[in-house]
Each structure stands twice: as structure tokens, then as C-alpha cells.
Amino acid sequence: MIEAVVDYGKDGKIVSLVIKGHGLAGWGKDLVCAGVSSCFTGAMNALTDNDHKIKLLAGDSSIYVSPNCSKHDEIVLETLIIQLETIKESYPNEISLKVSGKEG
């Protein structure tokens, strides 16, 4: 199972997003894993700030967002979360998405 954890700060902005694990099918055959990986990689490529801490490994990816995150990058990250929520709606047994610190 893929586990994604999003943490928001007191200011309502994303502080971190950590994704671990793999889908239920084998390596190279799992569409959910491929979708999550594509969404995460595409979002990281779309970021404009260079001071985020990003790790991109098979089964272990994360971003720790810079305190000086631009509005552009905030929008990219919020879009990534929507994409992960959409995948979870279609494949609830293959991906979990936990969000902490966000009100509303």
C-alpha cells in the first residue's frame, strides 16, 4: 500500500508531504504507483523555488517545504494533493492519504 502524509502548519500552508510504499501489483506493473509517482514527479518539476528539501526515490519520496514558499509553489502542492485525493477515491485499498494540521 502507498501511504501519503501531508502536514500543514499553523498558517494553513503545507509544511511537508511524505509518500512511502508501493502499490499492490509488482514493480513496473502497478498503475496506482505509476500514477502517484507521475503526479509527484511532475509537481516537483513544476516548482520554482530552489530551497525546498526534496527526496525522490522509488517507494520513498518527500518534500519539506521552504518557509519562504512562493504562491506559485503553494498552488502546485495543493494541486498535487488534489491529484492524490482523486487517485485515492478510485483506489481506496491501494493508497492512504492522511492530512494533519489543516482546518476545515
N, C-alpha and C. Protein backbone atom coordinates (compact mmCIF):
# COMPACT_ATOMS: atom_id res chain seq x y z
N MET A 1 0.83 -1.18 0.00
CA MET A 1 0.00 0.00 0.00
C MET A 1 0.88 1.25 0.00
N ILE A 2 0.42 2.26 -0.68
CA ILE A 2 1.10 3.56 -0.70
C ILE A 2 0.50 4.41 0.41
N GLU A 3 1.36 5.02 1.21
CA GLU A 3 0.91 5.89 2.29
C GLU A 3 1.44 7.30 2.05
N ALA A 4 0.53 8.24 1.98
CA ALA A 4 0.90 9.65 1.81
C ALA A 4 0.46 10.41 3.05
N VAL A 5 1.36 11.23 3.58
CA VAL A 5 1.07 12.02 4.77
C VAL A 5 1.39 13.47 4.46
N VAL A 6 0.38 14.34 4.66
CA VAL A 6 0.53 15.77 4.43
C VAL A 6 0.41 16.48 5.77
N ASP A 7 1.34 17.36 6.05
CA ASP A 7 1.28 18.17 7.27
C ASP A 7 1.18 19.64 6.89
N TYR A 8 0.22 20.31 7.53
CA TYR A 8 0.04 21.75 7.36
C TYR A 8 0.54 22.46 8.62
N GLY A 9 1.07 23.65 8.44
CA GLY A 9 1.49 24.48 9.57
C GLY A 9 0.33 25.28 10.12
N LYS A 10 0.60 26.01 11.18
CA LYS A 10 -0.43 26.83 11.82
C LYS A 10 -0.94 27.92 10.90
N ASP A 11 -0.13 28.29 9.91
CA ASP A 11 -0.54 29.32 8.96
C ASP A 11 -1.42 28.78 7.83
N GLY A 12 -1.70 27.46 7.87
CA GLY A 12 -2.55 26.84 6.86
C GLY A 12 -1.83 26.46 5.58
N LYS A 13 -0.50 26.56 5.58
CA LYS A 13 0.29 26.21 4.40
C LYS A 13 0.94 24.85 4.59
N ILE A 14 1.17 24.17 3.49
CA ILE A 14 1.79 22.85 3.54
C ILE A 14 3.22 22.96 4.05
N VAL A 15 3.55 22.11 5.02
CA VAL A 15 4.89 22.05 5.59
C VAL A 15 5.65 20.87 4.97
N SER A 16 4.96 19.73 4.82
CA SER A 16 5.62 18.56 4.26
C SER A 16 4.61 17.61 3.63
N LEU A 17 5.12 16.80 2.73
CA LEU A 17 4.37 15.72 2.11
C LEU A 17 5.34 14.55 1.97
N VAL A 18 4.98 13.43 2.58
CA VAL A 18 5.82 12.23 2.54
C VAL A 18 5.01 11.10 1.93
N ILE A 19 5.58 10.42 0.94
CA ILE A 19 4.92 9.30 0.28
C ILE A 19 5.84 8.09 0.39
N LYS A 20 5.30 6.99 0.95
CA LYS A 20 6.09 5.77 1.11
C LYS A 20 5.28 4.57 0.66
N GLY A 21 6.00 3.56 0.26
CA GLY A 21 5.37 2.30 -0.09
C GLY A 21 5.20 2.12 -1.59
N HIS A 22 4.50 1.04 -1.92
CA HIS A 22 4.29 0.68 -3.31
C HIS A 22 2.89 0.11 -3.44
N GLY A 23 2.38 0.14 -4.63
CA GLY A 23 1.06 -0.42 -4.89
C GLY A 23 1.05 -1.94 -4.76
N LEU A 24 -0.09 -2.53 -5.03
CA LEU A 24 -0.27 -3.96 -4.80
C LEU A 24 0.29 -4.84 -5.92
N ALA A 25 0.41 -4.32 -7.11
CA ALA A 25 0.99 -5.10 -8.22
C ALA A 25 2.52 -5.03 -8.15
N GLY A 26 3.17 -5.85 -8.93
CA GLY A 26 4.64 -5.89 -8.93
C GLY A 26 5.26 -4.64 -9.53
N TRP A 27 6.56 -4.49 -9.26
CA TRP A 27 7.30 -3.35 -9.78
C TRP A 27 7.15 -3.28 -11.29
N GLY A 28 6.85 -2.10 -11.78
CA GLY A 28 6.70 -1.88 -13.21
C GLY A 28 5.35 -2.26 -13.77
N LYS A 29 4.46 -2.80 -12.91
CA LYS A 29 3.15 -3.24 -13.37
C LYS A 29 2.01 -2.55 -12.63
N ASP A 30 2.33 -1.71 -11.68
CA ASP A 30 1.32 -1.13 -10.81
C ASP A 30 0.89 0.25 -11.31
N LEU A 31 -0.34 0.36 -11.78
CA LEU A 31 -0.82 1.63 -12.33
C LEU A 31 -1.00 2.70 -11.27
N VAL A 32 -1.42 2.31 -10.07
CA VAL A 32 -1.60 3.28 -8.99
C VAL A 32 -0.24 3.88 -8.61
N CYS A 33 0.74 3.02 -8.45
CA CYS A 33 2.08 3.51 -8.12
C CYS A 33 2.61 4.43 -9.23
N ALA A 34 2.40 4.04 -10.45
CA ALA A 34 2.84 4.86 -11.58
C ALA A 34 2.14 6.21 -11.58
N GLY A 35 0.85 6.21 -11.26
CA GLY A 35 0.10 7.46 -11.22
C GLY A 35 0.59 8.38 -10.11
N VAL A 36 0.78 7.82 -8.92
CA VAL A 36 1.27 8.61 -7.79
C VAL A 36 2.68 9.15 -8.10
N SER A 37 3.53 8.29 -8.63
CA SER A 37 4.89 8.71 -8.97
C SER A 37 4.90 9.81 -10.02
N SER A 38 4.05 9.67 -11.03
CA SER A 38 3.98 10.68 -12.08
C SER A 38 3.48 12.02 -11.54
N CYS A 39 2.45 11.96 -10.71
CA CYS A 39 1.92 13.21 -10.13
C CYS A 39 2.98 13.89 -9.27
N PHE A 40 3.66 13.12 -8.41
CA PHE A 40 4.66 13.70 -7.53
C PHE A 40 5.84 14.27 -8.33
N THR A 41 6.35 13.49 -9.27
CA THR A 41 7.48 13.95 -10.07
C THR A 41 7.13 15.18 -10.89
N GLY A 42 5.96 15.17 -11.50
CA GLY A 42 5.53 16.33 -12.29
C GLY A 42 5.40 17.57 -11.43
N ALA A 43 4.85 17.42 -10.23
CA ALA A 43 4.72 18.56 -9.32
C ALA A 43 6.09 19.09 -8.91
N MET A 44 7.01 18.19 -8.61
CA MET A 44 8.36 18.63 -8.21
C MET A 44 9.04 19.37 -9.35
N ASN A 45 8.82 18.91 -10.58
CA ASN A 45 9.40 19.58 -11.74
C ASN A 45 8.77 20.95 -11.97
N ALA A 46 7.55 21.17 -11.52
CA ALA A 46 6.85 22.44 -11.73
C ALA A 46 7.20 23.49 -10.68
N LEU A 47 7.86 23.09 -9.58
CA LEU A 47 8.20 24.05 -8.53
C LEU A 47 9.25 25.03 -9.02
N THR A 48 9.16 26.27 -8.54
CA THR A 48 10.11 27.29 -8.97
C THR A 48 11.13 27.65 -7.88
N ASP A 49 10.78 27.40 -6.62
CA ASP A 49 11.72 27.70 -5.52
C ASP A 49 12.77 26.60 -5.43
N ASN A 50 14.00 26.98 -5.16
CA ASN A 50 15.09 26.00 -5.09
C ASN A 50 15.45 25.59 -3.68
N ASP A 51 14.76 26.11 -2.67
CA ASP A 51 15.18 25.82 -1.31
C ASP A 51 14.28 24.83 -0.58
N HIS A 52 13.40 24.12 -1.29
CA HIS A 52 12.65 23.02 -0.69
C HIS A 52 13.59 21.82 -0.55
N LYS A 53 13.33 20.96 0.42
CA LYS A 53 14.10 19.71 0.54
C LYS A 53 13.28 18.60 -0.08
N ILE A 54 13.76 18.07 -1.20
CA ILE A 54 13.02 17.08 -1.97
C ILE A 54 13.81 15.78 -2.03
N LYS A 55 13.09 14.66 -1.79
CA LYS A 55 13.68 13.34 -1.97
C LYS A 55 12.77 12.59 -2.94
N LEU A 56 13.35 12.02 -3.96
CA LEU A 56 12.57 11.30 -4.97
C LEU A 56 13.22 9.95 -5.22
N LEU A 57 12.74 8.94 -4.51
CA LEU A 57 13.24 7.58 -4.64
C LEU A 57 12.06 6.64 -4.82
N ALA A 58 12.29 5.50 -5.40
CA ALA A 58 11.22 4.51 -5.56
C ALA A 58 10.72 4.09 -4.19
N GLY A 59 9.45 4.31 -3.93
CA GLY A 59 8.84 3.91 -2.68
C GLY A 59 9.14 4.80 -1.50
N ASP A 60 9.83 5.91 -1.72
CA ASP A 60 10.20 6.81 -0.62
C ASP A 60 10.48 8.20 -1.17
N SER A 61 9.45 9.02 -1.23
CA SER A 61 9.59 10.37 -1.76
C SER A 61 9.01 11.38 -0.77
N SER A 62 9.58 12.57 -0.76
CA SER A 62 9.08 13.58 0.17
C SER A 62 9.48 14.97 -0.28
N ILE A 63 8.74 15.94 0.27
CA ILE A 63 9.13 17.33 0.14
C ILE A 63 8.89 17.99 1.49
N TYR A 64 9.90 18.71 1.93
CA TYR A 64 9.79 19.56 3.11
C TYR A 64 9.86 20.97 2.57
N VAL A 65 8.76 21.67 2.71
CA VAL A 65 8.56 22.93 2.03
C VAL A 65 9.31 24.06 2.73
N SER A 66 9.93 24.89 1.93
CA SER A 66 10.65 26.06 2.43
C SER A 66 9.68 27.01 3.13
N PRO A 67 10.11 27.62 4.24
CA PRO A 67 9.25 28.61 4.91
C PRO A 67 8.94 29.81 4.01
N ASN A 68 9.77 30.04 3.01
CA ASN A 68 9.58 31.17 2.09
C ASN A 68 8.93 30.71 0.78
N CYS A 69 8.08 29.72 0.85
CA CYS A 69 7.45 29.14 -0.33
C CYS A 69 6.64 30.20 -1.09
N SER A 70 6.83 30.23 -2.40
CA SER A 70 6.10 31.18 -3.24
C SER A 70 4.64 30.74 -3.40
N LYS A 71 3.79 31.67 -3.76
CA LYS A 71 2.38 31.37 -4.02
C LYS A 71 2.27 30.34 -5.14
N HIS A 72 3.10 30.47 -6.16
CA HIS A 72 3.10 29.51 -7.27
C HIS A 72 3.32 28.09 -6.75
N ASP A 73 4.33 27.91 -5.91
CA ASP A 73 4.63 26.57 -5.41
C ASP A 73 3.54 26.06 -4.47
N GLU A 74 2.92 26.95 -3.70
CA GLU A 74 1.79 26.54 -2.85
C GLU A 74 0.67 25.97 -3.72
N ILE A 75 0.39 26.62 -4.83
CA ILE A 75 -0.67 26.15 -5.73
C ILE A 75 -0.30 24.81 -6.34
N VAL A 76 0.95 24.65 -6.75
CA VAL A 76 1.41 23.37 -7.30
C VAL A 76 1.22 22.25 -6.27
N LEU A 77 1.60 22.51 -5.03
CA LEU A 77 1.49 21.48 -3.99
C LEU A 77 0.04 21.16 -3.64
N GLU A 78 -0.81 22.18 -3.59
CA GLU A 78 -2.23 21.93 -3.33
C GLU A 78 -2.85 21.13 -4.49
N THR A 79 -2.41 21.39 -5.70
CA THR A 79 -2.89 20.63 -6.86
C THR A 79 -2.44 19.18 -6.75
N LEU A 80 -1.21 18.95 -6.31
CA LEU A 80 -0.70 17.60 -6.10
C LEU A 80 -1.58 16.85 -5.10
N ILE A 81 -1.96 17.50 -4.02
CA ILE A 81 -2.81 16.85 -3.02
C ILE A 81 -4.17 16.48 -3.60
N ILE A 82 -4.72 17.36 -4.42
CA ILE A 82 -6.00 17.05 -5.09
C ILE A 82 -5.83 15.83 -6.01
N GLN A 83 -4.71 15.76 -6.70
CA GLN A 83 -4.46 14.60 -7.57
C GLN A 83 -4.37 13.31 -6.74
N LEU A 84 -3.70 13.36 -5.60
CA LEU A 84 -3.60 12.19 -4.74
C LEU A 84 -4.96 11.80 -4.18
N GLU A 85 -5.77 12.79 -3.81
CA GLU A 85 -7.13 12.51 -3.33
C GLU A 85 -7.96 11.84 -4.42
N THR A 86 -7.79 12.27 -5.64
CA THR A 86 -8.53 11.69 -6.77
C THR A 86 -8.13 10.23 -6.99
N ILE A 87 -6.84 9.95 -6.92
CA ILE A 87 -6.38 8.56 -7.05
C ILE A 87 -6.94 7.72 -5.90
N LYS A 88 -6.94 8.27 -4.70
CA LYS A 88 -7.46 7.54 -3.53
C LYS A 88 -8.95 7.23 -3.68
N GLU A 89 -9.71 8.13 -4.25
CA GLU A 89 -11.14 7.88 -4.48
C GLU A 89 -11.35 6.68 -5.40
N SER A 90 -10.49 6.54 -6.39
CA SER A 90 -10.62 5.43 -7.33
C SER A 90 -10.02 4.12 -6.82
N TYR A 91 -9.00 4.23 -5.98
CA TYR A 91 -8.28 3.05 -5.48
C TYR A 91 -8.07 3.13 -3.97
N PRO A 92 -9.16 3.12 -3.19
CA PRO A 92 -9.04 3.32 -1.74
C PRO A 92 -8.28 2.21 -1.01
N ASN A 93 -8.17 1.03 -1.61
CA ASN A 93 -7.44 -0.07 -0.98
C ASN A 93 -5.95 -0.06 -1.30
N GLU A 94 -5.53 0.88 -2.15
CA GLU A 94 -4.14 0.89 -2.58
C GLU A 94 -3.37 2.13 -2.16
N ILE A 95 -4.07 3.16 -1.69
CA ILE A 95 -3.38 4.37 -1.25
C ILE A 95 -4.15 4.97 -0.07
N SER A 96 -3.40 5.37 0.96
CA SER A 96 -3.99 6.10 2.07
C SER A 96 -3.43 7.52 2.03
N LEU A 97 -4.25 8.46 2.42
CA LEU A 97 -3.84 9.85 2.44
C LEU A 97 -4.27 10.45 3.77
N LYS A 98 -3.28 10.77 4.59
CA LYS A 98 -3.54 11.36 5.90
C LYS A 98 -3.13 12.82 5.87
N VAL A 99 -4.01 13.67 6.37
CA VAL A 99 -3.75 15.10 6.39
C VAL A 99 -3.84 15.56 7.85
N SER A 100 -2.81 16.26 8.30
CA SER A 100 -2.86 16.79 9.67
C SER A 100 -2.57 18.29 9.67
N GLY A 101 -3.20 18.97 10.59
CA GLY A 101 -2.97 20.39 10.78
C GLY A 101 -3.82 21.30 9.93
N LYS A 102 -4.65 20.73 9.07
CA LYS A 102 -5.50 21.57 8.21
C LYS A 102 -6.89 21.64 8.81
N GLU A 103 -7.38 22.84 8.95
CA GLU A 103 -8.73 23.03 9.46
C GLU A 103 -9.70 23.19 8.31
N GLY A 104 -10.91 22.73 8.52
CA GLY A 104 -11.96 22.92 7.51
C GLY A 104 -12.07 21.84 6.61
